[in-house]
Amino acid sequence: MVARRRTKKETKRNKPVLLRDRTDLAWKNFALFLVLFLFSFVLYNITTPGGLLNNFFQLLSWILGVLTFAILIAFVVLFILKSGKK
């Protein structure tokens, strides 16, 4: 019988996510949602009132505006945490 070698499985260690990485991600998400919000808001103002597209862009503007505001709050919290560590 041939003895098989057992290979040691490398354990994946979870790297701690740096606060700087989280802040960068929050900044990128904030910029993306702000651009999408502004784009949908402009399209809402361009479309004819009372039409289906007008209602769609109005709803999209509301949703993206709330998401942008939530990401802004998260960004401010991360910035406070970052300044508190120094």
N, C-alpha and C. Protein backbone atom coordinates (compact mmCIF):
# COMPACT_ATOMS: atom_id res chain seq x y z
N MET A 1 0.82 -1.17 0.00
CA MET A 1 0.00 0.00 0.00
C MET A 1 0.88 1.25 0.00
N VAL A 2 0.54 2.18 -0.84
CA VAL A 2 1.32 3.41 -0.96
C VAL A 2 0.76 4.44 0.01
N ALA A 3 1.65 4.98 0.77
CA ALA A 3 1.24 6.01 1.72
C ALA A 3 1.06 7.33 0.99
N ARG A 4 -0.05 7.95 1.20
CA ARG A 4 -0.31 9.24 0.56
C ARG A 4 0.13 10.37 1.46
N ARG A 5 0.70 11.32 0.83
CA ARG A 5 1.10 12.50 1.60
C ARG A 5 -0.11 13.40 1.79
N ARG A 6 -0.23 13.86 2.94
CA ARG A 6 -1.31 14.81 3.20
C ARG A 6 -0.75 16.21 3.06
N THR A 7 -1.40 16.96 2.23
CA THR A 7 -0.97 18.35 2.07
C THR A 7 -1.73 19.20 3.07
N LYS A 8 -1.01 20.07 3.67
CA LYS A 8 -1.64 20.97 4.62
C LYS A 8 -2.42 22.02 3.85
N LYS A 9 -3.65 22.13 4.20
CA LYS A 9 -4.47 23.15 3.57
C LYS A 9 -4.11 24.50 4.18
N GLU A 10 -3.89 25.41 3.29
CA GLU A 10 -3.58 26.75 3.78
C GLU A 10 -4.86 27.40 4.27
N THR A 11 -4.80 27.85 5.47
CA THR A 11 -5.97 28.51 6.01
C THR A 11 -6.00 29.95 5.53
N LYS A 12 -7.13 30.32 5.09
CA LYS A 12 -7.29 31.71 4.64
C LYS A 12 -7.57 32.57 5.85
N ARG A 13 -6.71 33.48 6.06
CA ARG A 13 -6.89 34.40 7.17
C ARG A 13 -7.63 35.61 6.65
N ASN A 14 -8.64 35.95 7.36
CA ASN A 14 -9.40 37.14 6.97
C ASN A 14 -8.58 38.37 7.31
N LYS A 15 -8.27 39.12 6.28
CA LYS A 15 -7.54 40.35 6.50
C LYS A 15 -8.52 41.38 7.07
N PRO A 16 -8.07 42.13 8.04
CA PRO A 16 -8.96 43.17 8.55
C PRO A 16 -9.15 44.26 7.50
N VAL A 17 -10.38 44.68 7.34
CA VAL A 17 -10.67 45.73 6.37
C VAL A 17 -10.29 47.06 7.01
N LEU A 18 -9.42 47.76 6.35
CA LEU A 18 -8.94 49.02 6.88
C LEU A 18 -10.03 50.08 6.78
N LEU A 19 -9.99 50.99 7.73
CA LEU A 19 -10.96 52.08 7.74
C LEU A 19 -10.80 52.96 6.51
N ARG A 20 -9.56 53.07 6.03
CA ARG A 20 -9.30 53.86 4.83
C ARG A 20 -10.00 53.24 3.62
N ASP A 21 -9.98 51.88 3.54
CA ASP A 21 -10.65 51.21 2.43
C ASP A 21 -12.16 51.44 2.47
N ARG A 22 -12.71 51.41 3.67
CA ARG A 22 -14.15 51.65 3.80
C ARG A 22 -14.50 53.08 3.42
N THR A 23 -13.65 54.02 3.81
CA THR A 23 -13.90 55.41 3.47
C THR A 23 -13.82 55.62 1.96
N ASP A 24 -12.84 54.99 1.33
CA ASP A 24 -12.72 55.09 -0.13
C ASP A 24 -13.94 54.50 -0.83
N LEU A 25 -14.41 53.36 -0.34
CA LEU A 25 -15.59 52.73 -0.92
C LEU A 25 -16.83 53.60 -0.73
N ALA A 26 -16.97 54.20 0.46
CA ALA A 26 -18.11 55.08 0.71
C ALA A 26 -18.06 56.31 -0.19
N TRP A 27 -16.86 56.85 -0.41
CA TRP A 27 -16.72 58.02 -1.28
C TRP A 27 -17.10 57.68 -2.72
N LYS A 28 -16.65 56.51 -3.21
CA LYS A 28 -16.97 56.10 -4.58
C LYS A 28 -18.47 55.87 -4.74
N ASN A 29 -19.09 55.21 -3.75
CA ASN A 29 -20.53 54.98 -3.82
C ASN A 29 -21.31 56.29 -3.75
N PHE A 30 -20.85 57.21 -2.91
CA PHE A 30 -21.52 58.51 -2.81
C PHE A 30 -21.45 59.25 -4.13
N ALA A 31 -20.28 59.26 -4.75
CA ALA A 31 -20.13 59.97 -6.03
C ALA A 31 -21.00 59.33 -7.11
N LEU A 32 -21.04 58.00 -7.15
CA LEU A 32 -21.84 57.30 -8.15
C LEU A 32 -23.33 57.61 -7.98
N PHE A 33 -23.84 57.49 -6.76
CA PHE A 33 -25.26 57.74 -6.54
C PHE A 33 -25.62 59.20 -6.70
N LEU A 34 -24.69 60.10 -6.41
CA LEU A 34 -24.97 61.52 -6.62
C LEU A 34 -25.11 61.82 -8.11
N VAL A 35 -24.23 61.24 -8.92
CA VAL A 35 -24.32 61.44 -10.38
C VAL A 35 -25.62 60.84 -10.92
N LEU A 36 -25.97 59.64 -10.47
CA LEU A 36 -27.22 59.02 -10.92
C LEU A 36 -28.44 59.83 -10.48
N PHE A 37 -28.41 60.37 -9.26
CA PHE A 37 -29.51 61.19 -8.78
C PHE A 37 -29.66 62.45 -9.62
N LEU A 38 -28.54 63.12 -9.89
CA LEU A 38 -28.61 64.35 -10.69
C LEU A 38 -29.09 64.06 -12.11
N PHE A 39 -28.63 62.93 -12.68
CA PHE A 39 -29.05 62.57 -14.02
C PHE A 39 -30.56 62.29 -14.07
N SER A 40 -31.07 61.55 -13.10
CA SER A 40 -32.50 61.26 -13.09
C SER A 40 -33.32 62.52 -12.79
N PHE A 41 -32.77 63.42 -11.98
CA PHE A 41 -33.48 64.67 -11.68
C PHE A 41 -33.58 65.55 -12.92
N VAL A 42 -32.50 65.60 -13.69
CA VAL A 42 -32.53 66.39 -14.93
C VAL A 42 -33.52 65.78 -15.91
N LEU A 43 -33.51 64.45 -16.04
CA LEU A 43 -34.47 63.80 -16.94
C LEU A 43 -35.91 63.99 -16.47
N TYR A 44 -36.12 64.05 -15.16
CA TYR A 44 -37.45 64.31 -14.62
C TYR A 44 -37.93 65.70 -15.03
N ASN A 45 -37.03 66.68 -14.99
CA ASN A 45 -37.43 68.04 -15.36
C ASN A 45 -37.59 68.22 -16.86
N ILE A 46 -36.93 67.39 -17.67
CA ILE A 46 -37.04 67.52 -19.13
C ILE A 46 -38.32 66.89 -19.67
N THR A 47 -38.75 65.77 -19.08
CA THR A 47 -39.90 65.05 -19.62
C THR A 47 -41.19 65.85 -19.43
N THR A 48 -42.20 65.49 -20.22
CA THR A 48 -43.48 66.19 -20.17
C THR A 48 -44.21 65.85 -18.88
N PRO A 49 -44.84 66.84 -18.27
CA PRO A 49 -45.56 66.59 -17.01
C PRO A 49 -46.74 65.64 -17.22
N GLY A 50 -46.96 64.78 -16.26
CA GLY A 50 -48.10 63.87 -16.31
C GLY A 50 -47.85 62.61 -17.11
N GLY A 51 -46.74 62.49 -17.75
CA GLY A 51 -46.46 61.30 -18.54
C GLY A 51 -45.89 60.17 -17.68
N LEU A 52 -45.80 59.02 -18.29
CA LEU A 52 -45.29 57.85 -17.58
C LEU A 52 -43.81 58.01 -17.24
N LEU A 53 -43.03 58.56 -18.18
CA LEU A 53 -41.61 58.76 -17.93
C LEU A 53 -41.37 59.79 -16.83
N ASN A 54 -42.23 60.80 -16.77
CA ASN A 54 -42.10 61.81 -15.74
C ASN A 54 -42.28 61.18 -14.36
N ASN A 55 -43.29 60.32 -14.22
CA ASN A 55 -43.52 59.64 -12.94
C ASN A 55 -42.37 58.69 -12.60
N PHE A 56 -41.84 58.00 -13.62
CA PHE A 56 -40.74 57.07 -13.40
C PHE A 56 -39.49 57.79 -12.92
N PHE A 57 -39.14 58.90 -13.58
CA PHE A 57 -37.95 59.63 -13.19
C PHE A 57 -38.13 60.35 -11.85
N GLN A 58 -39.36 60.72 -11.53
CA GLN A 58 -39.61 61.30 -10.23
C GLN A 58 -39.39 60.26 -9.12
N LEU A 59 -39.91 59.06 -9.31
CA LEU A 59 -39.71 57.99 -8.34
C LEU A 59 -38.23 57.61 -8.24
N LEU A 60 -37.57 57.53 -9.39
CA LEU A 60 -36.16 57.21 -9.40
C LEU A 60 -35.34 58.30 -8.70
N SER A 61 -35.71 59.55 -8.88
CA SER A 61 -35.02 60.65 -8.20
C SER A 61 -35.19 60.56 -6.69
N TRP A 62 -36.38 60.24 -6.24
CA TRP A 62 -36.63 60.08 -4.81
C TRP A 62 -35.79 58.95 -4.22
N ILE A 63 -35.79 57.81 -4.88
CA ILE A 63 -35.05 56.65 -4.37
C ILE A 63 -33.56 56.93 -4.35
N LEU A 64 -33.03 57.45 -5.44
CA LEU A 64 -31.60 57.73 -5.50
C LEU A 64 -31.20 58.87 -4.55
N GLY A 65 -32.09 59.81 -4.34
CA GLY A 65 -31.81 60.88 -3.39
C GLY A 65 -31.71 60.36 -1.96
N VAL A 66 -32.62 59.46 -1.59
CA VAL A 66 -32.57 58.87 -0.25
C VAL A 66 -31.32 58.01 -0.08
N LEU A 67 -30.98 57.22 -1.10
CA LEU A 67 -29.76 56.41 -1.03
C LEU A 67 -28.51 57.27 -0.96
N THR A 68 -28.48 58.36 -1.70
CA THR A 68 -27.34 59.27 -1.66
C THR A 68 -27.19 59.88 -0.28
N PHE A 69 -28.30 60.26 0.32
CA PHE A 69 -28.26 60.84 1.66
C PHE A 69 -27.80 59.81 2.69
N ALA A 70 -28.25 58.56 2.56
CA ALA A 70 -27.82 57.51 3.48
C ALA A 70 -26.32 57.23 3.36
N ILE A 71 -25.82 57.22 2.14
CA ILE A 71 -24.38 57.00 1.94
C ILE A 71 -23.59 58.21 2.46
N LEU A 72 -24.14 59.40 2.33
CA LEU A 72 -23.49 60.59 2.89
C LEU A 72 -23.38 60.48 4.41
N ILE A 73 -24.42 60.00 5.06
CA ILE A 73 -24.38 59.81 6.51
C ILE A 73 -23.33 58.78 6.88
N ALA A 74 -23.28 57.68 6.13
CA ALA A 74 -22.27 56.65 6.40
C ALA A 74 -20.86 57.21 6.18
N PHE A 75 -20.69 58.03 5.18
CA PHE A 75 -19.39 58.64 4.91
C PHE A 75 -18.98 59.56 6.05
N VAL A 76 -19.91 60.34 6.57
CA VAL A 76 -19.61 61.24 7.68
C VAL A 76 -19.25 60.44 8.93
N VAL A 77 -19.96 59.35 9.20
CA VAL A 77 -19.65 58.51 10.35
C VAL A 77 -18.25 57.90 10.21
N LEU A 78 -17.92 57.41 9.03
CA LEU A 78 -16.58 56.86 8.81
C LEU A 78 -15.50 57.93 8.93
N PHE A 79 -15.80 59.14 8.50
CA PHE A 79 -14.83 60.22 8.62
C PHE A 79 -14.62 60.58 10.09
N ILE A 80 -15.68 60.55 10.89
CA ILE A 80 -15.55 60.83 12.33
C ILE A 80 -14.74 59.73 13.00
N LEU A 81 -15.00 58.47 12.63
CA LEU A 81 -14.22 57.37 13.19
C LEU A 81 -12.75 57.48 12.80
N LYS A 82 -12.50 57.90 11.58
CA LYS A 82 -11.13 58.03 11.09
C LYS A 82 -10.41 59.15 11.85
N SER A 83 -11.07 60.26 12.09
CA SER A 83 -10.44 61.37 12.79
C SER A 83 -10.31 61.06 14.29
N GLY A 84 -11.17 60.20 14.81
CA GLY A 84 -11.09 59.84 16.22
C GLY A 84 -9.95 58.89 16.53
N LYS A 85 -9.47 58.14 15.53
CA LYS A 85 -8.38 57.20 15.74
C LYS A 85 -7.03 57.88 15.87
N LYS A 86 -6.91 59.08 15.34
CA LYS A 86 -5.62 59.77 15.35
C LYS A 86 -5.27 60.25 16.70
